[in-house]
N, C-alpha and C. Protein backbone atom coordinates (compact mmCIF):
# COMPACT_ATOMS: atom_id res chain seq x y z
N MET A 1 0.91 -1.18 0.01
CA MET A 1 -0.08 -0.11 -0.07
C MET A 1 0.88 1.31 0.04
N LYS A 2 0.59 2.26 -0.97
CA LYS A 2 1.32 3.32 -0.95
C LYS A 2 0.77 4.46 -0.22
N LEU A 3 1.50 4.91 0.83
CA LEU A 3 0.91 6.05 1.71
C LEU A 3 0.95 7.48 1.07
N PHE A 4 1.75 7.69 0.15
CA PHE A 4 1.64 8.88 -0.56
C PHE A 4 2.20 8.79 -2.05
N THR A 5 1.73 9.52 -2.82
CA THR A 5 2.39 9.55 -4.25
C THR A 5 3.35 10.61 -4.61
N ILE A 6 4.37 10.26 -5.24
CA ILE A 6 5.59 11.18 -5.55
C ILE A 6 5.15 11.92 -6.98
N ALA A 7 5.18 13.08 -7.06
CA ALA A 7 4.48 13.89 -8.15
C ALA A 7 5.69 13.86 -9.22
N HIS A 8 6.72 14.11 -8.76
CA HIS A 8 7.81 14.25 -9.90
C HIS A 8 8.36 12.89 -10.15
N PRO A 9 8.43 12.43 -11.65
CA PRO A 9 9.09 11.11 -11.79
C PRO A 9 10.75 10.96 -11.48
N LYS A 10 11.39 12.16 -11.55
CA LYS A 10 12.78 12.13 -11.19
C LYS A 10 12.99 11.80 -9.66
N ILE A 11 12.02 12.43 -8.84
CA ILE A 11 12.18 12.05 -7.42
C ILE A 11 11.82 10.78 -7.12
N GLU A 12 10.68 10.16 -7.75
CA GLU A 12 10.50 8.87 -7.74
C GLU A 12 11.74 7.89 -8.12
N ALA A 13 12.41 8.18 -9.19
CA ALA A 13 13.52 7.68 -9.53
C ALA A 13 14.73 7.61 -8.47
N PHE A 14 14.78 8.66 -7.96
CA PHE A 14 15.83 9.03 -6.65
C PHE A 14 15.36 8.11 -5.63
N ALA A 15 14.06 7.97 -5.33
CA ALA A 15 13.64 7.17 -4.27
C ALA A 15 14.01 5.60 -4.39
N LYS A 16 13.85 5.19 -5.66
CA LYS A 16 14.15 3.78 -5.91
C LYS A 16 15.61 3.55 -5.51
N ILE A 17 16.43 4.65 -5.67
CA ILE A 17 17.89 4.38 -5.74
C ILE A 17 18.15 4.60 -4.20
N ALA A 18 17.48 5.39 -3.30
CA ALA A 18 18.05 5.58 -2.09
C ALA A 18 17.55 4.68 -1.20
N ARG A 19 17.43 3.56 -1.50
CA ARG A 19 16.91 2.40 -0.47
C ARG A 19 18.09 1.32 -0.36
N PRO A 20 19.09 1.61 0.22
CA PRO A 20 20.37 0.74 0.34
C PRO A 20 20.01 -0.61 0.99
N GLN A 21 19.13 -0.41 1.91
CA GLN A 21 18.83 -1.79 2.51
C GLN A 21 18.36 -2.87 1.71
N GLU A 22 17.74 -2.41 0.66
CA GLU A 22 17.17 -3.61 -0.49
C GLU A 22 18.26 -3.76 -1.39
N SER A 23 19.20 -2.97 -1.58
CA SER A 23 20.31 -2.90 -2.68
C SER A 23 20.58 -4.25 -3.14
N TRP A 24 20.95 -5.07 -2.26
CA TRP A 24 21.57 -6.25 -2.81
C TRP A 24 20.78 -7.43 -2.75
N SER A 25 19.77 -7.36 -2.26
CA SER A 25 18.59 -8.44 -2.15
C SER A 25 17.53 -8.35 -3.30
N LEU A 26 17.74 -7.57 -4.27
CA LEU A 26 16.67 -7.25 -5.25
C LEU A 26 16.85 -8.32 -6.28
N ASP A 27 15.59 -8.92 -6.85
CA ASP A 27 15.57 -9.83 -7.96
C ASP A 27 16.15 -8.95 -9.23
N GLU A 28 16.18 -9.78 -10.36
CA GLU A 28 16.79 -9.17 -11.55
C GLU A 28 15.84 -8.03 -12.10
N SER A 29 14.47 -8.08 -12.07
CA SER A 29 13.73 -7.16 -12.74
C SER A 29 13.69 -5.76 -11.82
N LYS A 30 13.77 -5.88 -10.59
CA LYS A 30 13.84 -4.81 -9.55
C LYS A 30 15.29 -4.20 -9.66
N ARG A 31 16.44 -4.90 -9.98
CA ARG A 31 17.76 -4.49 -10.21
C ARG A 31 17.59 -3.70 -11.50
N ALA A 32 17.04 -4.03 -12.41
CA ALA A 32 16.95 -3.43 -13.86
C ALA A 32 16.15 -1.88 -13.51
N GLU A 33 15.27 -1.74 -12.87
CA GLU A 33 14.26 -0.72 -12.49
C GLU A 33 15.37 0.22 -11.89
N ARG A 34 16.23 -0.20 -10.87
CA ARG A 34 17.06 0.56 -10.18
C ARG A 34 18.14 1.07 -11.17
N TYR A 35 18.79 0.48 -12.09
CA TYR A 35 19.63 1.06 -12.93
C TYR A 35 19.14 2.04 -13.89
N GLU A 36 17.74 1.69 -14.22
CA GLU A 36 17.20 2.70 -15.01
C GLU A 36 16.86 4.01 -14.39
N ALA A 37 16.66 3.89 -12.97
CA ALA A 37 16.33 4.89 -12.21
C ALA A 37 17.66 5.74 -12.17
N TYR A 38 18.77 5.26 -12.13
CA TYR A 38 19.98 5.89 -12.06
C TYR A 38 20.37 6.66 -13.42
N GLU A 39 19.78 6.06 -14.41
CA GLU A 39 19.99 6.72 -15.76
C GLU A 39 19.08 7.96 -15.86
N GLN A 40 17.87 7.62 -15.38
CA GLN A 40 16.79 8.77 -15.40
C GLN A 40 17.31 9.92 -14.50
N LEU A 41 17.99 9.66 -13.47
CA LEU A 41 18.23 10.82 -12.48
C LEU A 41 19.58 11.40 -13.23
N ALA A 42 20.52 10.60 -13.87
CA ALA A 42 21.56 11.30 -14.31
C ALA A 42 21.23 12.25 -15.62
N MET A 43 20.25 11.74 -16.50
CA MET A 43 19.57 12.41 -17.46
C MET A 43 18.95 13.77 -16.89
N TYR A 44 18.10 13.70 -15.75
CA TYR A 44 17.61 14.78 -15.17
C TYR A 44 18.82 16.01 -14.71
N TYR A 45 19.70 15.43 -13.97
CA TYR A 45 20.88 16.50 -13.71
C TYR A 45 21.43 17.14 -15.00
N GLU A 46 21.82 16.14 -15.99
CA GLU A 46 22.36 16.67 -17.14
C GLU A 46 21.68 17.71 -18.03
N ARG A 47 20.41 17.31 -18.13
CA ARG A 47 19.52 18.11 -18.98
C ARG A 47 18.62 19.21 -18.35
N LYS A 48 18.15 19.08 -17.28
CA LYS A 48 17.18 19.82 -16.70
C LYS A 48 17.85 20.84 -15.85
N THR A 49 18.61 20.26 -14.82
CA THR A 49 19.47 21.17 -13.96
C THR A 49 20.79 21.82 -14.73
N ARG A 50 21.21 21.21 -15.81
CA ARG A 50 22.38 21.51 -16.53
C ARG A 50 23.55 21.49 -15.47
N ASN A 51 23.58 20.43 -14.66
CA ASN A 51 24.59 20.13 -13.71
C ASN A 51 25.31 18.73 -14.08
N PRO A 52 26.34 18.90 -15.16
CA PRO A 52 26.81 17.65 -15.51
C PRO A 52 27.84 16.99 -14.39
N GLU A 53 28.34 17.79 -13.48
CA GLU A 53 28.97 17.02 -12.26
C GLU A 53 28.10 16.21 -11.64
N GLN A 54 27.09 16.77 -11.29
CA GLN A 54 26.16 15.89 -10.48
C GLN A 54 25.68 14.67 -11.27
N ALA A 55 25.53 14.85 -12.52
CA ALA A 55 25.11 13.64 -13.21
C ALA A 55 26.33 12.79 -13.44
N ARG A 56 27.43 13.31 -13.43
CA ARG A 56 28.54 12.52 -13.54
C ARG A 56 28.72 11.46 -12.18
N GLN A 57 28.42 12.24 -11.07
CA GLN A 57 28.38 11.38 -9.86
C GLN A 57 27.38 10.37 -9.74
N VAL A 58 26.26 10.63 -10.36
CA VAL A 58 25.30 9.55 -10.21
C VAL A 58 25.55 8.42 -11.16
N VAL A 59 26.25 8.67 -12.37
CA VAL A 59 26.70 7.71 -13.42
C VAL A 59 27.77 6.83 -12.72
N LEU A 60 28.74 7.42 -11.91
CA LEU A 60 29.78 6.69 -11.25
C LEU A 60 29.19 5.97 -10.10
N GLN A 61 28.22 6.32 -9.37
CA GLN A 61 27.76 5.37 -8.34
C GLN A 61 26.92 4.44 -8.98
N ALA A 62 26.21 4.41 -10.01
CA ALA A 62 25.51 3.44 -10.62
C ALA A 62 26.69 2.38 -11.17
N LEU A 63 27.81 2.87 -11.81
CA LEU A 63 28.90 1.87 -12.41
C LEU A 63 29.35 1.18 -11.25
N HIS A 64 29.65 1.73 -9.97
CA HIS A 64 30.04 0.94 -8.79
C HIS A 64 29.21 -0.13 -8.34
N GLU A 65 27.88 0.30 -8.34
CA GLU A 65 26.85 -0.67 -7.96
C GLU A 65 26.84 -1.80 -8.90
N LEU A 66 27.04 -1.51 -10.16
CA LEU A 66 26.88 -2.59 -11.38
C LEU A 66 28.04 -3.40 -11.20
N ARG A 67 29.27 -3.02 -10.85
CA ARG A 67 30.35 -3.76 -10.83
C ARG A 67 30.28 -4.66 -9.54
N ARG A 68 29.72 -4.21 -8.43
CA ARG A 68 29.69 -5.03 -7.48
C ARG A 68 28.59 -6.16 -7.57
N ALA A 69 27.30 -5.86 -8.39
CA ALA A 69 26.53 -6.79 -8.62
C ALA A 69 27.13 -7.81 -9.55
N ASN A 70 27.82 -7.58 -10.60
CA ASN A 70 28.45 -8.48 -11.44
C ASN A 70 29.56 -9.43 -10.61
N GLN A 71 30.36 -8.76 -9.57
CA GLN A 71 31.36 -9.59 -8.86
C GLN A 71 30.52 -10.49 -8.14
N VAL A 72 29.48 -10.35 -7.39
CA VAL A 72 28.72 -11.25 -6.57
C VAL A 72 27.80 -12.23 -7.26
N GLY A 73 27.66 -11.96 -8.69
CA GLY A 73 26.90 -12.87 -9.50
C GLY A 73 25.37 -12.57 -9.37
N ASP A 74 24.93 -11.10 -9.04
CA ASP A 74 23.65 -10.77 -8.82
C ASP A 74 23.02 -10.34 -10.30
N ILE A 75 23.72 -10.32 -11.17
CA ILE A 75 23.20 -9.87 -12.38
C ILE A 75 23.74 -10.72 -13.47
N THR A 76 22.98 -10.92 -14.42
CA THR A 76 23.29 -11.72 -15.57
C THR A 76 24.28 -11.03 -16.37
N PRO A 77 25.28 -11.55 -17.23
CA PRO A 77 26.29 -11.13 -18.03
C PRO A 77 25.47 -10.17 -19.12
N GLY A 78 24.78 -10.64 -19.67
CA GLY A 78 23.98 -9.60 -20.71
C GLY A 78 23.47 -8.40 -20.23
N ALA A 79 22.66 -8.55 -18.99
CA ALA A 79 22.23 -7.24 -18.49
C ALA A 79 23.47 -6.24 -17.99
N TYR A 80 24.44 -6.93 -17.49
CA TYR A 80 25.57 -6.27 -16.99
C TYR A 80 26.14 -5.55 -18.13
N ARG A 81 26.27 -6.20 -19.27
CA ARG A 81 27.02 -5.51 -20.63
C ARG A 81 26.16 -4.41 -21.08
N GLU A 82 24.80 -4.53 -21.09
CA GLU A 82 24.01 -3.78 -21.67
C GLU A 82 23.95 -2.41 -20.77
N PHE A 83 23.80 -2.56 -19.28
CA PHE A 83 23.81 -1.19 -18.55
C PHE A 83 25.14 -0.55 -18.51
N LYS A 84 26.32 -1.40 -18.41
CA LYS A 84 27.73 -0.77 -18.55
C LYS A 84 27.94 -0.06 -19.65
N LEU A 85 27.41 -0.73 -20.86
CA LEU A 85 27.60 0.27 -22.12
C LEU A 85 26.91 1.72 -21.94
N LYS A 86 25.67 1.68 -21.62
CA LYS A 86 24.95 2.83 -21.44
C LYS A 86 25.48 3.93 -20.42
N PHE A 87 25.99 3.28 -19.43
CA PHE A 87 26.62 4.15 -18.29
C PHE A 87 28.06 4.58 -18.78
N ASP A 88 28.68 3.86 -19.54
CA ASP A 88 30.07 4.25 -20.00
C ASP A 88 29.88 5.19 -21.10
N ARG A 89 29.04 5.13 -21.89
CA ARG A 89 28.68 6.13 -22.96
C ARG A 89 28.20 7.53 -22.35
N ARG A 90 27.40 7.44 -21.33
CA ARG A 90 26.86 8.73 -20.66
C ARG A 90 28.01 9.31 -19.89
N LEU A 91 29.10 8.54 -19.15
CA LEU A 91 29.95 9.09 -18.59
C LEU A 91 30.98 9.74 -19.71
N GLU A 92 31.25 9.15 -20.65
CA GLU A 92 32.21 9.74 -21.72
C GLU A 92 31.56 10.95 -22.32
N ARG A 93 30.23 11.09 -22.42
CA ARG A 93 29.70 12.30 -23.01
C ARG A 93 29.75 13.37 -21.90
N LEU A 94 29.50 13.00 -20.75
CA LEU A 94 29.66 13.97 -19.60
C LEU A 94 30.99 14.60 -19.46
N GLU A 95 31.88 13.77 -19.63
CA GLU A 95 33.35 14.20 -19.41
C GLU A 95 33.87 15.10 -20.60
N ARG A 96 33.26 14.84 -21.78
CA ARG A 96 33.33 15.66 -23.09
C ARG A 96 32.77 16.88 -22.73
N LYS A 97 31.71 16.90 -22.25
CA LYS A 97 31.04 18.18 -22.10
C LYS A 97 31.76 19.06 -20.90
N SER A 98 32.27 18.31 -20.10
CA SER A 98 32.84 19.46 -19.06
C SER A 98 34.30 19.77 -19.47
N ARG A 99 34.78 19.29 -20.43
CA ARG A 99 35.81 19.88 -21.04
C ARG A 99 35.81 20.81 -22.14
N ARG A 100 34.67 20.94 -22.49
CA ARG A 100 34.18 22.12 -23.50
C ARG A 100 34.13 23.36 -22.79
N PRO A 101 34.76 24.33 -23.25
CA PRO A 101 34.56 25.89 -22.79
C PRO A 101 33.19 26.19 -22.92
N TYR A 102 32.63 27.10 -21.81
CA TYR A 102 31.38 27.69 -21.91
C TYR A 102 31.45 28.82 -22.82
N TRP A 103 30.37 28.77 -23.46
CA TRP A 103 30.23 29.85 -24.68
C TRP A 103 30.04 31.15 -23.84
N THR A 104 30.76 32.31 -24.23
CA THR A 104 30.40 33.53 -23.78
C THR A 104 30.30 34.39 -24.83
N PRO A 105 29.29 35.30 -24.73
CA PRO A 105 28.93 36.08 -26.03
C PRO A 105 30.13 37.13 -26.15
N PRO A 106 30.37 37.53 -27.48
CA PRO A 106 31.45 38.38 -27.77
C PRO A 106 31.11 39.63 -27.26
N ILE A 107 32.07 40.54 -26.74
CA ILE A 107 31.89 41.72 -26.15
C ILE A 107 31.80 42.73 -27.37
N CYS A 108 30.90 43.64 -27.59
CA CYS A 108 30.66 44.52 -28.55
C CYS A 108 30.77 45.86 -28.10
N LYS A 109 31.56 46.71 -28.70
CA LYS A 109 31.43 48.12 -28.28
C LYS A 109 30.12 48.75 -29.01
N LEU A 110 29.49 49.36 -28.24
CA LEU A 110 28.39 50.26 -28.81
C LEU A 110 28.78 51.59 -28.94
N THR A 111 28.67 51.84 -30.19
CA THR A 111 29.02 53.29 -30.49
C THR A 111 27.86 54.01 -30.95
N HIS A 112 27.78 55.20 -30.54
CA HIS A 112 26.81 56.18 -30.74
C HIS A 112 27.00 57.09 -31.97
N THR A 113 26.21 56.86 -32.86
CA THR A 113 26.51 57.73 -34.07
C THR A 113 25.20 58.38 -34.23
N ARG A 114 25.28 59.79 -34.98
CA ARG A 114 24.23 60.55 -35.25
C ARG A 114 23.97 60.78 -36.68
């Protein structure tokens, strides 16, 4: 039974991630939902809040959890490869974005002519 409804889907995604006590006892479908929640949260930070560093931290946390699940055998090899590829691509893109200089408008002198 749900006691309350979370209105914003990104907050709901974060709520799925923020339950560490369930972390290592999840079945495969719940684990997939958890990795998808990490992905959605990273996209939210990258696109909506324009905070690529926060998005990068979310991706690194997801990769850490993914590696641990793979080491203990809690994830199938196919699912591991699929999620690892997604997170590696996102991390690469975020790092590429962070190296890019921010655009600043050119300074123009306004001349007053009559």
